[in-house]
C-alpha atoms as a PDB file:
ATOM      1  CA  UNK A   1       0.000   0.000   0.000  1.00  0.00           C
ATOM      2  CA  UNK A   2       1.506   3.335  -1.099  1.00  0.00           C
ATOM      3  CA  UNK A   3       2.345   5.880   1.580  1.00  0.00           C
ATOM      4  CA  UNK A   4       1.658   9.579   1.402  1.00  0.00           C
ATOM      5  CA  UNK A   5       5.333  10.261   0.690  1.00  0.00           C
ATOM      6  CA  UNK A   6       5.340   7.805  -2.238  1.00  0.00           C
ATOM      7  CA  UNK A   7       2.190   9.390  -3.622  1.00  0.00           C
ATOM      8  CA  UNK A   8       3.712  12.804  -3.267  1.00  0.00           C
ATOM      9  CA  UNK A   9       6.793  11.735  -5.194  1.00  0.00           C
ATOM     10  CA  UNK A  10       4.588  10.194  -7.873  1.00  0.00           C
ATOM     11  CA  UNK A  11       2.603  13.436  -8.163  1.00  0.00           C
ATOM     12  CA  UNK A  12      -0.558  12.042  -6.605  1.00  0.00           C
ATOM     13  CA  UNK A  13      -2.543  13.734  -3.869  1.00  0.00           C
ATOM     14  CA  UNK A  14      -2.627  12.018  -0.476  1.00  0.00           C
ATOM     15  CA  UNK A  15      -5.941  11.895   1.434  1.00  0.00           C
ATOM     16  CA  UNK A  16      -6.861  15.157   3.125  1.00  0.00           C
ATOM     17  CA  UNK A  17      -4.477  17.239   1.034  1.00  0.00           C
ATOM     18  CA  UNK A  18      -5.814  20.383  -0.630  1.00  0.00           C
ATOM     19  CA  UNK A  19      -6.773  20.023  -4.238  1.00  0.00           C
ATOM     20  CA  UNK A  20      -4.282  21.240  -6.790  1.00  0.00           C
ATOM     21  CA  UNK A  21      -4.584  22.226 -10.414  1.00  0.00           C
ATOM     22  CA  UNK A  22      -3.360  20.195 -13.360  1.00  0.00           C
ATOM     23  CA  UNK A  23      -0.315  22.419 -13.800  1.00  0.00           C
ATOM     24  CA  UNK A  24       0.781  21.928 -10.215  1.00  0.00           C
ATOM     25  CA  UNK A  25       0.412  18.142 -10.519  1.00  0.00           C
ATOM     26  CA  UNK A  26       2.541  18.195 -13.688  1.00  0.00           C
ATOM     27  CA  UNK A  27       5.216  20.237 -11.927  1.00  0.00           C
ATOM     28  CA  UNK A  28       5.255  17.740  -9.048  1.00  0.00           C
ATOM     29  CA  UNK A  29       5.674  14.823 -11.416  1.00  0.00           C
ATOM     30  CA  UNK A  30       8.555  16.586 -13.170  1.00  0.00           C
ATOM     31  CA  UNK A  31      10.298  17.312  -9.880  1.00  0.00           C
ATOM     32  CA  UNK A  32       9.807  13.694  -8.765  1.00  0.00           C
ATOM     33  CA  UNK A  33      11.265  12.429 -12.056  1.00  0.00           C
ATOM     34  CA  UNK A  34      14.258  14.747 -11.779  1.00  0.00           C
ATOM     35  CA  UNK A  35      14.783  13.565  -8.211  1.00  0.00           C
ATOM     36  CA  UNK A  36      14.869   9.929  -9.347  1.00  0.00           C
ATOM     37  CA  UNK A  37      17.294  10.756 -12.170  1.00  0.00           C
ATOM     38  CA  UNK A  38      19.579  12.577  -9.766  1.00  0.00           C
ATOM     39  CA  UNK A  39      19.629   9.593  -7.417  1.00  0.00           C
ATOM     40  CA  UNK A  40      20.334   7.104 -10.235  1.00  0.00           C
ATOM     41  CA  UNK A  41      22.953   9.324 -11.838  1.00  0.00           C
ATOM     42  CA  UNK A  42      24.863   9.934  -8.622  1.00  0.00           C
ATOM     43  CA  UNK A  43      27.253   6.946  -9.031  1.00  0.00           C
ATOM     44  CA  UNK A  44      28.181   8.116 -12.521  1.00  0.00           C
ATOM     45  CA  UNK A  45      28.924  11.569 -11.156  1.00  0.00           C
ATOM     46  CA  UNK A  46      31.389  10.040  -8.675  1.00  0.00           C
ATOM     47  CA  UNK A  47      33.040   7.735 -11.254  1.00  0.00           C
ATOM     48  CA  UNK A  48      33.233  10.213 -14.151  1.00  0.00           C
ATOM     49  CA  UNK A  49      36.281  12.140 -12.806  1.00  0.00           C
ATOM     50  CA  UNK A  50      38.223   8.894 -12.538  1.00  0.00           C
ATOM     51  CA  UNK A  51      37.648   8.126 -16.216  1.00  0.00           C
ATOM     52  CA  UNK A  52      38.655  11.659 -17.172  1.00  0.00           C
ATOM     53  CA  UNK A  53      41.930  11.362 -15.245  1.00  0.00           C
ATOM     54  CA  UNK A  54      42.504   7.846 -16.599  1.00  0.00           C
ATOM     55  CA  UNK A  55      41.986   9.035 -20.182  1.00  0.00           C
ATOM     56  CA  UNK A  56      44.339  11.977 -19.658  1.00  0.00           C
ATOM     57  CA  UNK A  57      47.143   9.843 -18.222  1.00  0.00           C
ATOM     58  CA  UNK A  58      46.592   7.073 -20.809  1.00  0.00           C
ATOM     59  CA  UNK A  59      46.227   8.964 -24.059  1.00  0.00           C
ATOM     60  CA  UNK A  60      48.676  11.787 -23.409  1.00  0.00           C
ATOM     61  CA  UNK A  61      51.770   9.492 -23.354  1.00  0.00           C
ATOM     62  CA  UNK A  62      50.569   7.773 -26.536  1.00  0.00           C
ATOM     63  CA  UNK A  63      50.004  11.038 -28.372  1.00  0.00           C
ATOM     64  CA  UNK A  64      53.231  12.626 -27.119  1.00  0.00           C
ATOM     65  CA  UNK A  65      55.294   9.519 -27.909  1.00  0.00           C
ATOM     66  CA  UNK A  66      53.844   9.322 -31.423  1.00  0.00           C
ATOM     67  CA  UNK A  67      54.664  13.007 -31.943  1.00  0.00           C
ATOM     68  CA  UNK A  68      58.278  12.518 -30.795  1.00  0.00           C
ATOM     69  CA  UNK A  69      58.675   9.489 -33.045  1.00  0.00           C
ATOM     70  CA  UNK A  70      58.122  11.753 -36.052  1.00  0.00           C
ATOM     71  CA  UNK A  71      61.032  14.011 -35.062  1.00  0.00           C
ATOM     72  CA  UNK A  72      64.762  13.849 -34.567  1.00  0.00           C
ATOM     73  CA  UNK A  73      65.078  14.576 -30.841  1.00  0.00           C
ATOM     74  CA  UNK A  74      68.026  14.224 -28.490  1.00  0.00           C
ATOM     75  CA  UNK A  75      67.724  13.542 -24.777  1.00  0.00           C
ATOM     76  CA  UNK A  76      69.707  16.631 -23.774  1.00  0.00           C
ATOM     77  CA  UNK A  77      67.560  19.001 -25.863  1.00  0.00           C
ATOM     78  CA  UNK A  78      63.998  17.714 -25.778  1.00  0.00           C
ATOM     79  CA  UNK A  79      62.648  21.141 -26.710  1.00  0.00           C
ATOM     80  CA  UNK A  80      64.566  21.135 -30.015  1.00  0.00           C
ATOM     81  CA  UNK A  81      62.804  18.939 -32.557  1.00  0.00           C
ATOM     82  CA  UNK A  82      63.511  18.409 -36.249  1.00  0.00           C
ATOM     83  CA  UNK A  83      60.624  17.067 -38.331  1.00  0.00           C
ATOM     84  CA  UNK A  84      61.629  13.832 -40.097  1.00  0.00           C
ATOM     85  CA  UNK A  85      58.137  12.351 -40.722  1.00  0.00           C
ATOM     86  CA  UNK A  86      58.382   8.547 -40.922  1.00  0.00           C
ATOM     87  CA  UNK A  87      62.155   8.352 -41.375  1.00  0.00           C
ATOM     88  CA  UNK A  88      62.582   6.853 -37.907  1.00  0.00           C
ATOM     89  CA  UNK A  89      60.156   4.065 -38.781  1.00  0.00           C
ATOM     90  CA  UNK A  90      61.930   3.398 -42.076  1.00  0.00           C
ATOM     91  CA  UNK A  91      65.296   3.214 -40.311  1.00  0.00           C
ATOM     92  CA  UNK A  92      63.841   0.941 -37.647  1.00  0.00           C
ATOM     93  CA  UNK A  93      62.435  -1.378 -40.330  1.00  0.00           C
ATOM     94  CA  UNK A  94      65.885  -1.729 -41.874  1.00  0.00           C
ATOM     95  CA  UNK A  95      67.750  -2.016 -38.562  1.00  0.00           C
ATOM     96  CA  UNK A  96      68.974  -5.545 -37.895  1.00  0.00           C
ATOM     97  CA  UNK A  97      69.078  -4.809 -34.162  1.00  0.00           C
ATOM     98  CA  UNK A  98      65.309  -4.301 -34.140  1.00  0.00           C
ATOM     99  CA  UNK A  99      64.631  -7.662 -35.777  1.00  0.00           C
ATOM    100  CA  UNK A 100      67.100  -9.348 -33.458  1.00  0.00           C
ATOM    101  CA  UNK A 101      65.417  -7.755 -30.427  1.00  0.00           C
ATOM    102  CA  UNK A 102      61.994  -8.732 -31.750  1.00  0.00           C
ATOM    103  CA  UNK A 103      63.106 -12.343 -32.212  1.00  0.00           C
ATOM    104  CA  UNK A 104      64.629 -12.431 -28.723  1.00  0.00           C
ATOM    105  CA  UNK A 105      61.467 -10.955 -27.227  1.00  0.00           C
ATOM    106  CA  UNK A 106      59.314 -13.587 -28.910  1.00  0.00           C
ATOM    107  CA  UNK A 107      61.543 -16.534 -28.003  1.00  0.00           C
ATOM    108  CA  UNK A 108      62.009 -15.466 -24.383  1.00  0.00           C
ATOM    109  CA  UNK A 109      58.262 -14.792 -24.210  1.00  0.00           C
ATOM    110  CA  UNK A 110      57.414 -18.296 -25.395  1.00  0.00           C
ATOM    111  CA  UNK A 111      60.065 -20.008 -23.263  1.00  0.00           C
ATOM    112  CA  UNK A 112      58.893 -18.178 -20.148  1.00  0.00           C
ATOM    113  CA  UNK A 113      55.130 -18.001 -20.703  1.00  0.00           C
ATOM    114  CA  UNK A 114      54.205 -21.538 -21.749  1.00  0.00           C
ATOM    115  CA  UNK A 115      55.941 -23.421 -18.881  1.00  0.00           C
ATOM    116  CA  UNK A 116      54.900 -20.696 -16.444  1.00  0.00           C
ATOM    117  CA  UNK A 117      51.169 -21.004 -17.165  1.00  0.00           C
ATOM    118  CA  UNK A 118      51.274 -24.811 -17.296  1.00  0.00           C
ATOM    119  CA  UNK A 119      53.054 -24.971 -13.946  1.00  0.00           C
ATOM    120  CA  UNK A 120      50.642 -22.415 -12.484  1.00  0.00           C
ATOM    121  CA  UNK A 121      47.695 -24.485 -13.656  1.00  0.00           C
ATOM    122  CA  UNK A 122      49.073 -27.639 -12.043  1.00  0.00           C
ATOM    123  CA  UNK A 123      49.959 -25.815  -8.834  1.00  0.00           C
ATOM    124  CA  UNK A 124      46.488 -24.302  -8.595  1.00  0.00           C
ATOM    125  CA  UNK A 125      44.941 -27.736  -9.139  1.00  0.00           C
ATOM    126  CA  UNK A 126      46.955 -29.110  -6.199  1.00  0.00           C
ATOM    127  CA  UNK A 127      46.105 -26.156  -3.959  1.00  0.00           C
ATOM    128  CA  UNK A 128      42.438 -26.613  -4.797  1.00  0.00           C
ATOM    129  CA  UNK A 129      42.377 -29.907  -2.886  1.00  0.00           C
ATOM    130  CA  UNK A 130      41.897 -29.996   0.854  1.00  0.00           C
ATOM    131  CA  UNK A 131      45.342 -30.391   2.353  1.00  0.00           C
ATOM    132  CA  UNK A 132      47.174 -29.499   5.509  1.00  0.00           C
ATOM    133  CA  UNK A 133      48.778 -26.049   5.693  1.00  0.00           C
ATOM    134  CA  UNK A 134      47.015 -25.015   2.497  1.00  0.00           C
ATOM    135  CA  UNK A 135      46.996 -21.383   3.622  1.00  0.00           C
ATOM    136  CA  UNK A 136      50.762 -21.504   4.123  1.00  0.00           C
ATOM    137  CA  UNK A 137      51.354 -22.823   0.617  1.00  0.00           C
ATOM    138  CA  UNK A 138      49.045 -20.201  -0.884  1.00  0.00           C
ATOM    139  CA  UNK A 139      50.895 -17.394   0.857  1.00  0.00           C
ATOM    140  CA  UNK A 140      54.261 -18.941  -0.007  1.00  0.00           C
ATOM    141  CA  UNK A 141      53.347 -18.996  -3.695  1.00  0.00           C
ATOM    142  CA  UNK A 142      53.109 -15.194  -3.586  1.00  0.00           C
ATOM    143  CA  UNK A 143      56.588 -14.677  -2.119  1.00  0.00           C
ATOM    144  CA  UNK A 144      58.363 -14.667  -5.521  1.00  0.00           C
ATOM    145  CA  UNK A 145      55.866 -12.138  -6.839  1.00  0.00           C
ATOM    146  CA  UNK A 146      56.468  -9.881  -3.833  1.00  0.00           C
ATOM    147  CA  UNK A 147      60.239 -10.125  -4.250  1.00  0.00           C
ATOM    148  CA  UNK A 148      61.943  -7.231  -6.005  1.00  0.00           C
ATOM    149  CA  UNK A 149      62.919  -7.956  -9.588  1.00  0.00           C
ATOM    150  CA  UNK A 150      66.392  -6.587  -8.866  1.00  0.00           C
ATOM    151  CA  UNK A 151      66.923  -8.945  -5.922  1.00  0.00           C
ATOM    152  CA  UNK A 152      65.572 -11.937  -7.840  1.00  0.00           C
ATOM    153  CA  UNK A 153      67.704 -11.200 -10.905  1.00  0.00           C
ATOM    154  CA  UNK A 154      70.862 -10.772  -8.813  1.00  0.00           C
ATOM    155  CA  UNK A 155      70.310 -14.072  -7.014  1.00  0.00           C
ATOM    156  CA  UNK A 156      69.672 -15.966 -10.258  1.00  0.00           C
ATOM    157  CA  UNK A 157      72.670 -14.272 -11.874  1.00  0.00           C
ATOM    158  CA  UNK A 158      74.871 -15.772  -9.143  1.00  0.00           C
ATOM    159  CA  UNK A 159      73.155 -19.145  -9.538  1.00  0.00           C
ATOM    160  CA  UNK A 160      73.865 -19.152 -13.298  1.00  0.00           C
ATOM    161  CA  UNK A 161      77.393 -17.763 -12.914  1.00  0.00           C
ATOM    162  CA  UNK A 162      79.870 -19.560 -15.180  1.00  0.00           C
ATOM    163  CA  UNK A 163      82.720 -20.329 -12.756  1.00  0.00           C
ATOM    164  CA  UNK A 164      81.113 -20.501  -9.319  1.00  0.00           C
ATOM    165  CA  UNK A 165      77.398 -20.836 -10.046  1.00  0.00           C
ATOM    166  CA  UNK A 166      75.260 -23.519  -8.468  1.00  0.00           C
ATOM    167  CA  UNK A 167      73.857 -24.727 -11.792  1.00  0.00           C
ATOM    168  CA  UNK A 168      77.277 -25.389 -13.321  1.00  0.00           C
ATOM    169  CA  UNK A 169      78.366 -27.021 -10.059  1.00  0.00           C
ATOM    170  CA  UNK A 170      75.417 -29.411 -10.321  1.00  0.00           C
ATOM    171  CA  UNK A 171      76.170 -30.076 -13.989  1.00  0.00           C
ATOM    172  CA  UNK A 172      79.807 -30.773 -13.162  1.00  0.00           C
ATOM    173  CA  UNK A 173      78.734 -33.254 -10.488  1.00  0.00           C
ATOM    174  CA  UNK A 174      77.106 -35.412 -13.171  1.00  0.00           C
ATOM    175  CA  UNK A 175      79.953 -35.001 -15.667  1.00  0.00           C
ATOM    176  CA  UNK A 176      78.554 -32.190 -17.836  1.00  0.00           C
ATOM    177  CA  UNK A 177      80.856 -29.374 -18.921  1.00  0.00           C
ATOM    178  CA  UNK A 178      80.076 -25.914 -17.512  1.00  0.00           C
ATOM    179  CA  UNK A 179      77.802 -23.692 -19.577  1.00  0.00           C
ATOM    180  CA  UNK A 180      78.511 -20.040 -20.251  1.00  0.00           C
ATOM    181  CA  UNK A 181      74.985 -18.878 -19.445  1.00  0.00           C
ATOM    182  CA  UNK A 182      75.593 -15.202 -20.139  1.00  0.00           C
ATOM    183  CA  UNK A 183      77.665 -15.363 -23.343  1.00  0.00           C
ATOM    184  CA  UNK A 184      75.712 -17.977 -25.327  1.00  0.00           C
ATOM    185  CA  UNK A 185      72.356 -17.064 -26.854  1.00  0.00           C
ATOM    186  CA  UNK A 186      70.037 -19.935 -25.907  1.00  0.00           C
ATOM    187  CA  UNK A 187      71.461 -20.564 -22.421  1.00  0.00           C
ATOM    188  CA  UNK A 188      71.122 -16.840 -21.663  1.00  0.00           C
ATOM    189  CA  UNK A 189      67.518 -16.786 -22.819  1.00  0.00           C
ATOM    190  CA  UNK A 190      66.735 -19.912 -20.796  1.00  0.00           C
ATOM    191  CA  UNK A 191      68.303 -18.350 -17.690  1.00  0.00           C
ATOM    192  CA  UNK A 192      66.311 -15.117 -18.113  1.00  0.00           C
ATOM    193  CA  UNK A 193      63.129 -17.118 -18.702  1.00  0.00           C
ATOM    194  CA  UNK A 194      63.793 -19.018 -15.489  1.00  0.00           C
ATOM    195  CA  UNK A 195      63.739 -15.746 -13.545  1.00  0.00           C
ATOM    196  CA  UNK A 196      60.410 -14.799 -15.122  1.00  0.00           C
ATOM    197  CA  UNK A 197      58.928 -18.239 -14.463  1.00  0.00           C
ATOM    198  CA  UNK A 198      60.008 -18.158 -10.811  1.00  0.00           C
ATOM    199  CA  UNK A 199      58.503 -14.702 -10.229  1.00  0.00           C
ATOM    200  CA  UNK A 200      55.118 -15.123 -11.897  1.00  0.00           C
ATOM    201  CA  UNK A 201      54.106 -18.778 -11.528  1.00  0.00           C
ATOM    202  CA  UNK A 202      52.687 -18.361  -8.011  1.00  0.00           C
ATOM    203  CA  UNK A 203      50.752 -15.222  -8.946  1.00  0.00           C
ATOM    204  CA  UNK A 204      49.069 -16.935 -11.894  1.00  0.00           C
ATOM    205  CA  UNK A 205      48.433 -20.027  -9.769  1.00  0.00           C
ATOM    206  CA  UNK A 206      46.405 -17.971  -7.291  1.00  0.00           C
ATOM    207  CA  UNK A 207      44.386 -16.485 -10.153  1.00  0.00           C
ATOM    208  CA  UNK A 208      43.603 -19.997 -11.388  1.00  0.00           C
ATOM    209  CA  UNK A 209      42.831 -21.147  -7.852  1.00  0.00           C
ATOM    210  CA  UNK A 210      40.286 -18.364  -7.351  1.00  0.00           C
ATOM    211  CA  UNK A 211      38.613 -19.318 -10.636  1.00  0.00           C
ATOM    212  CA  UNK A 212      38.589 -23.022  -9.730  1.00  0.00           C
ATOM    213  CA  UNK A 213      36.898 -22.355  -6.414  1.00  0.00           C
ATOM    214  CA  UNK A 214      34.102 -20.565  -8.256  1.00  0.00           C
ATOM    215  CA  UNK A 215      33.195 -23.734 -10.207  1.00  0.00           C
ATOM    216  CA  UNK A 216      30.074 -25.361  -8.718  1.00  0.00           C
ATOM    217  CA  UNK A 217      30.774 -28.617  -6.867  1.00  0.00           C
ATOM    218  CA  UNK A 218      27.801 -30.369  -8.486  1.00  0.00           C
ATOM    219  CA  UNK A 219      29.687 -30.432 -11.793  1.00  0.00           C
ATOM    220  CA  UNK A 220      32.418 -32.555 -10.248  1.00  0.00           C
ATOM    221  CA  UNK A 221      29.817 -34.757  -8.565  1.00  0.00           C
ATOM    222  CA  UNK A 222      28.020 -35.314 -11.861  1.00  0.00           C
ATOM    223  CA  UNK A 223      31.286 -36.146 -13.611  1.00  0.00           C
ATOM    224  CA  UNK A 224      32.240 -38.550 -10.819  1.00  0.00           C
ATOM    225  CA  UNK A 225      28.874 -40.315 -11.076  1.00  0.00           C
ATOM    226  CA  UNK A 226      29.445 -40.701 -14.807  1.00  0.00           C
ATOM    227  CA  UNK A 227      32.699 -42.527 -14.047  1.00  0.00           C
ATOM    228  CA  UNK A 228      35.103 -39.704 -14.989  1.00  0.00           C
ATOM    229  CA  UNK A 229      38.590 -40.004 -13.546  1.00  0.00           C
ATOM    230  CA  UNK A 230      40.404 -37.150 -11.831  1.00  0.00           C
ATOM    231  CA  UNK A 231      42.245 -36.342 -15.080  1.00  0.00           C
ATOM    232  CA  UNK A 232      39.031 -36.245 -17.096  1.00  0.00           C
ATOM    233  CA  UNK A 233      37.413 -34.050 -14.464  1.00  0.00           C
ATOM    234  CA  UNK A 234      40.365 -31.711 -14.756  1.00  0.00           C
ATOM    235  CA  UNK A 235      40.315 -31.558 -18.563  1.00  0.00           C
ATOM    236  CA  UNK A 236      36.526 -31.550 -19.058  1.00  0.00           C
ATOM    237  CA  UNK A 237      35.318 -29.607 -16.006  1.00  0.00           C
ATOM    238  CA  UNK A 238      38.128 -27.546 -14.494  1.00  0.00           C
ATOM    239  CA  UNK A 239      39.831 -26.220 -17.620  1.00  0.00           C
ATOM    240  CA  UNK A 240      36.597 -25.206 -19.415  1.00  0.00           C
ATOM    241  CA  UNK A 241      35.369 -23.611 -16.196  1.00  0.00           C
ATOM    242  CA  UNK A 242      38.383 -21.307 -15.936  1.00  0.00           C
ATOM    243  CA  UNK A 243      38.825 -20.631 -19.657  1.00  0.00           C
ATOM    244  CA  UNK A 244      38.252 -16.890 -19.293  1.00  0.00           C
ATOM    245  CA  UNK A 245      40.898 -16.696 -16.554  1.00  0.00           C
ATOM    246  CA  UNK A 246      43.350 -18.609 -18.730  1.00  0.00           C
ATOM    247  CA  UNK A 247      42.808 -16.124 -21.548  1.00  0.00           C
ATOM    248  CA  UNK A 248      43.316 -13.280 -19.084  1.00  0.00           C
ATOM    249  CA  UNK A 249      46.649 -14.685 -17.877  1.00  0.00           C
ATOM    250  CA  UNK A 250      47.779 -15.254 -21.470  1.00  0.00           C
ATOM    251  CA  UNK A 251      47.055 -11.600 -22.256  1.00  0.00           C
ATOM    252  CA  UNK A 252      48.909 -10.439 -19.133  1.00  0.00           C
ATOM    253  CA  UNK A 253      51.873 -12.695 -19.896  1.00  0.00           C
ATOM    254  CA  UNK A 254      52.019 -11.455 -23.491  1.00  0.00           C
ATOM    255  CA  UNK A 255      52.105  -7.839 -22.328  1.00  0.00           C
ATOM    256  CA  UNK A 256      54.754  -8.651 -19.735  1.00  0.00           C
ATOM    257  CA  UNK A 257      56.915 -10.530 -22.260  1.00  0.00           C
ATOM    258  CA  UNK A 258      56.734  -7.615 -24.704  1.00  0.00           C
ATOM    259  CA  UNK A 259      57.837  -5.184 -21.977  1.00  0.00           C
ATOM    260  CA  UNK A 260      60.544  -7.444 -20.502  1.00  0.00           C
ATOM    261  CA  UNK A 261      63.326  -5.191 -19.238  1.00  0.00           C
ATOM    262  CA  UNK A 262      64.542  -5.606 -15.662  1.00  0.00           C
ATOM    263  CA  UNK A 263      65.538  -9.284 -15.780  1.00  0.00           C
ATOM    264  CA  UNK A 264      67.820  -9.131 -18.850  1.00  0.00           C
ATOM    265  CA  UNK A 265      69.246  -5.740 -17.800  1.00  0.00           C
ATOM    266  CA  UNK A 266      70.446  -7.005 -14.410  1.00  0.00           C
ATOM    267  CA  UNK A 267      71.422 -10.400 -15.795  1.00  0.00           C
ATOM    268  CA  UNK A 268      73.962  -8.665 -18.056  1.00  0.00           C
ATOM    269  CA  UNK A 269      75.800  -7.179 -15.044  1.00  0.00           C
ATOM    270  CA  UNK A 270      76.830  -3.773 -16.373  1.00  0.00           C
ATOM    271  CA  UNK A 271      77.144  -2.352 -19.901  1.00  0.00           C
ATOM    272  CA  UNK A 272      76.347  -5.721 -21.480  1.00  0.00           C
ATOM    273  CA  UNK A 273      72.957  -5.591 -19.796  1.00  0.00           C
ATOM    274  CA  UNK A 274      71.843  -2.610 -21.903  1.00  0.00           C
ATOM    275  CA  UNK A 275      72.937  -4.174 -25.179  1.00  0.00           C
ATOM    276  CA  UNK A 276      71.680  -7.611 -24.195  1.00  0.00           C
ATOM    277  CA  UNK A 277      75.114  -9.199 -24.178  1.00  0.00           C
ATOM    278  CA  UNK A 278      78.227  -8.595 -26.251  1.00  0.00           C
ATOM    279  CA  UNK A 279      76.459  -9.834 -29.403  1.00  0.00           C
ATOM    280  CA  UNK A 280      72.924  -8.681 -28.491  1.00  0.00           C
ATOM    281  CA  UNK A 281      72.095 -12.331 -27.898  1.00  0.00           C
ATOM    282  CA  UNK A 282      69.335 -11.583 -25.384  1.00  0.00           C
ATOM    283  CA  UNK A 283      68.507  -7.940 -26.084  1.00  0.00           C
ATOM    284  CA  UNK A 284      64.735  -7.426 -25.925  1.00  0.00           C
ATOM    285  CA  UNK A 285      62.649  -4.601 -27.330  1.00  0.00           C
ATOM    286  CA  UNK A 286      62.607  -2.976 -23.900  1.00  0.00           C
ATOM    287  CA  UNK A 287      66.405  -2.972 -23.778  1.00  0.00           C
ATOM    288  CA  UNK A 288      66.615  -1.622 -27.328  1.00  0.00           C
ATOM    289  CA  UNK A 289      64.250   1.202 -26.368  1.00  0.00           C
ATOM    290  CA  UNK A 290      66.457   2.042 -23.381  1.00  0.00           C
ATOM    291  CA  UNK A 291      69.653   1.853 -25.426  1.00  0.00           C
ATOM    292  CA  UNK A 292      68.368   4.209 -28.108  1.00  0.00           C
ATOM    293  CA  UNK A 293      66.974   6.763 -25.663  1.00  0.00           C
ATOM    294  CA  UNK A 294      69.326   6.721 -22.669  1.00  0.00           C
ATOM    295  CA  UNK A 295      72.607   5.480 -24.131  1.00  0.00           C
ATOM    296  CA  UNK A 296      72.531   6.879 -27.665  1.00  0.00           C
ATOM    297  CA  UNK A 297      70.372   9.872 -26.577  1.00  0.00           C
ATOM    298  CA  UNK A 298      68.073   9.444 -29.588  1.00  0.00           C
ATOM    299  CA  UNK A 299      64.617   9.924 -28.126  1.00  0.00           C
ATOM    300  CA  UNK A 300      62.929   9.924 -31.541  1.00  0.00           C
ATOM    301  CA  UNK A 301      64.186   6.426 -32.293  1.00  0.00           C
ATOM    302  CA  UNK A 302      63.355   5.328 -28.759  1.00  0.00           C
ATOM    303  CA  UNK A 303      59.768   6.527 -29.186  1.00  0.00           C
ATOM    304  CA  UNK A 304      59.617   4.643 -32.487  1.00  0.00           C
ATOM    305  CA  UNK A 305      60.575   1.417 -30.718  1.00  0.00           C
ATOM    306  CA  UNK A 306      57.905   2.117 -28.094  1.00  0.00           C
ATOM    307  CA  UNK A 307      55.257   2.483 -30.777  1.00  0.00           C
ATOM    308  CA  UNK A 308      56.450  -0.716 -32.451  1.00  0.00           C
ATOM    309  CA  UNK A 309      55.947  -2.517 -29.133  1.00  0.00           C
ATOM    310  CA  UNK A 310      52.475  -1.016 -28.810  1.00  0.00           C
ATOM    311  CA  UNK A 311      51.523  -2.090 -32.333  1.00  0.00           C
ATOM    312  CA  UNK A 312      52.702  -5.633 -31.588  1.00  0.00           C
ATOM    313  CA  UNK A 313      50.278  -5.776 -28.664  1.00  0.00           C
ATOM    314  CA  UNK A 314      47.483  -4.417 -30.862  1.00  0.00           C
ATOM    315  CA  UNK A 315      48.196  -7.042 -33.520  1.00  0.00           C
ATOM    316  CA  UNK A 316      48.203  -9.778 -30.872  1.00  0.00           C
ATOM    317  CA  UNK A 317      44.833  -8.561 -29.581  1.00  0.00           C
ATOM    318  CA  UNK A 318      43.356  -8.452 -33.096  1.00  0.00           C
ATOM    319  CA  UNK A 319      44.673 -11.952 -33.834  1.00  0.00           C
ATOM    320  CA  UNK A 320      43.139 -13.264 -30.612  1.00  0.00           C
ATOM    321  CA  UNK A 321      39.760 -11.739 -31.483  1.00  0.00           C
ATOM    322  CA  UNK A 322      39.855 -13.192 -35.016  1.00  0.00           C
ATOM    323  CA  UNK A 323      40.729 -16.653 -33.719  1.00  0.00           C
ATOM    324  CA  UNK A 324      37.893 -16.444 -31.185  1.00  0.00           C
ATOM    325  CA  UNK A 325      35.430 -15.374 -33.882  1.00  0.00           C
ATOM    326  CA  UNK A 326      36.514 -18.169 -36.220  1.00  0.00           C
ATOM    327  CA  UNK A 327      36.107 -20.726 -33.428  1.00  0.00           C
ATOM    328  CA  UNK A 328      32.632 -19.449 -32.617  1.00  0.00           C
ATOM    329  CA  UNK A 329      31.622 -19.747 -36.264  1.00  0.00           C
ATOM    330  CA  UNK A 330      32.962 -23.271 -36.648  1.00  0.00           C
ATOM    331  CA  UNK A 331      31.296 -24.417 -33.422  1.00  0.00           C
END
């Protein structure tokens, strides 16, 4: 039963109220409607400034970087720009260092991402079972993620050291010759990928664990009644149930692999870290960007590398959307 306040907001007259004209009733209804719109629009009024600030801090670097990439600019004189149009992009296309850095970025990305996500998936599956000290293991899996990238890279650099490293000591114990992890291309990329895998496996495992715990238990019960083994339950219930989270971690890992910088820089131990080794054997796009801008002082070329990295991410996103659309059509 409507109260007098509700009727007043709706523009109706409560019992005992003085009679009003049609114009006054219309005015009341308008004011009530405006009141409702104000109440519903209040959350947007609070959130709108955040989006304005986010757009300003997101689009300004993109626009400014694209503008610098069309000029010849030095780090010491950023206010002095010489218009060169797309010459920086043409030079980057013909630069062998760019293609070498792109290849290294892709190979290190694959070597670090694929094992990392597979190990995270298996770890999350184990943590999803009821076990003793499960909370301890969940917190412990976040310790590598909370560790500074500089500290982690320094520790792994000592582990992979050629003469006194623990890895070569273990290889020597079984009769294998020591490996020069920093000087050779593939050993260096494997060592850098190991740092990335160690840091991010636990973080991704907790993401998978949260998604697994959101899967209804009746699905596992139904699969068990149908005679499905634990492996079939994992492949037919768990993995499809967390598919969106898997895609999310793949996107995050792709972005992180494209921007890889700290691990190879510290692994090189000095000037070789910027160039990615004496022969650029593990120089990534992030290191090439840093070398052009802060070693060669060519900010225009550095901005060009940054835009190349951004376009790679855009192409990866477009490819993912096309593959998803093709799968939906075939299914």
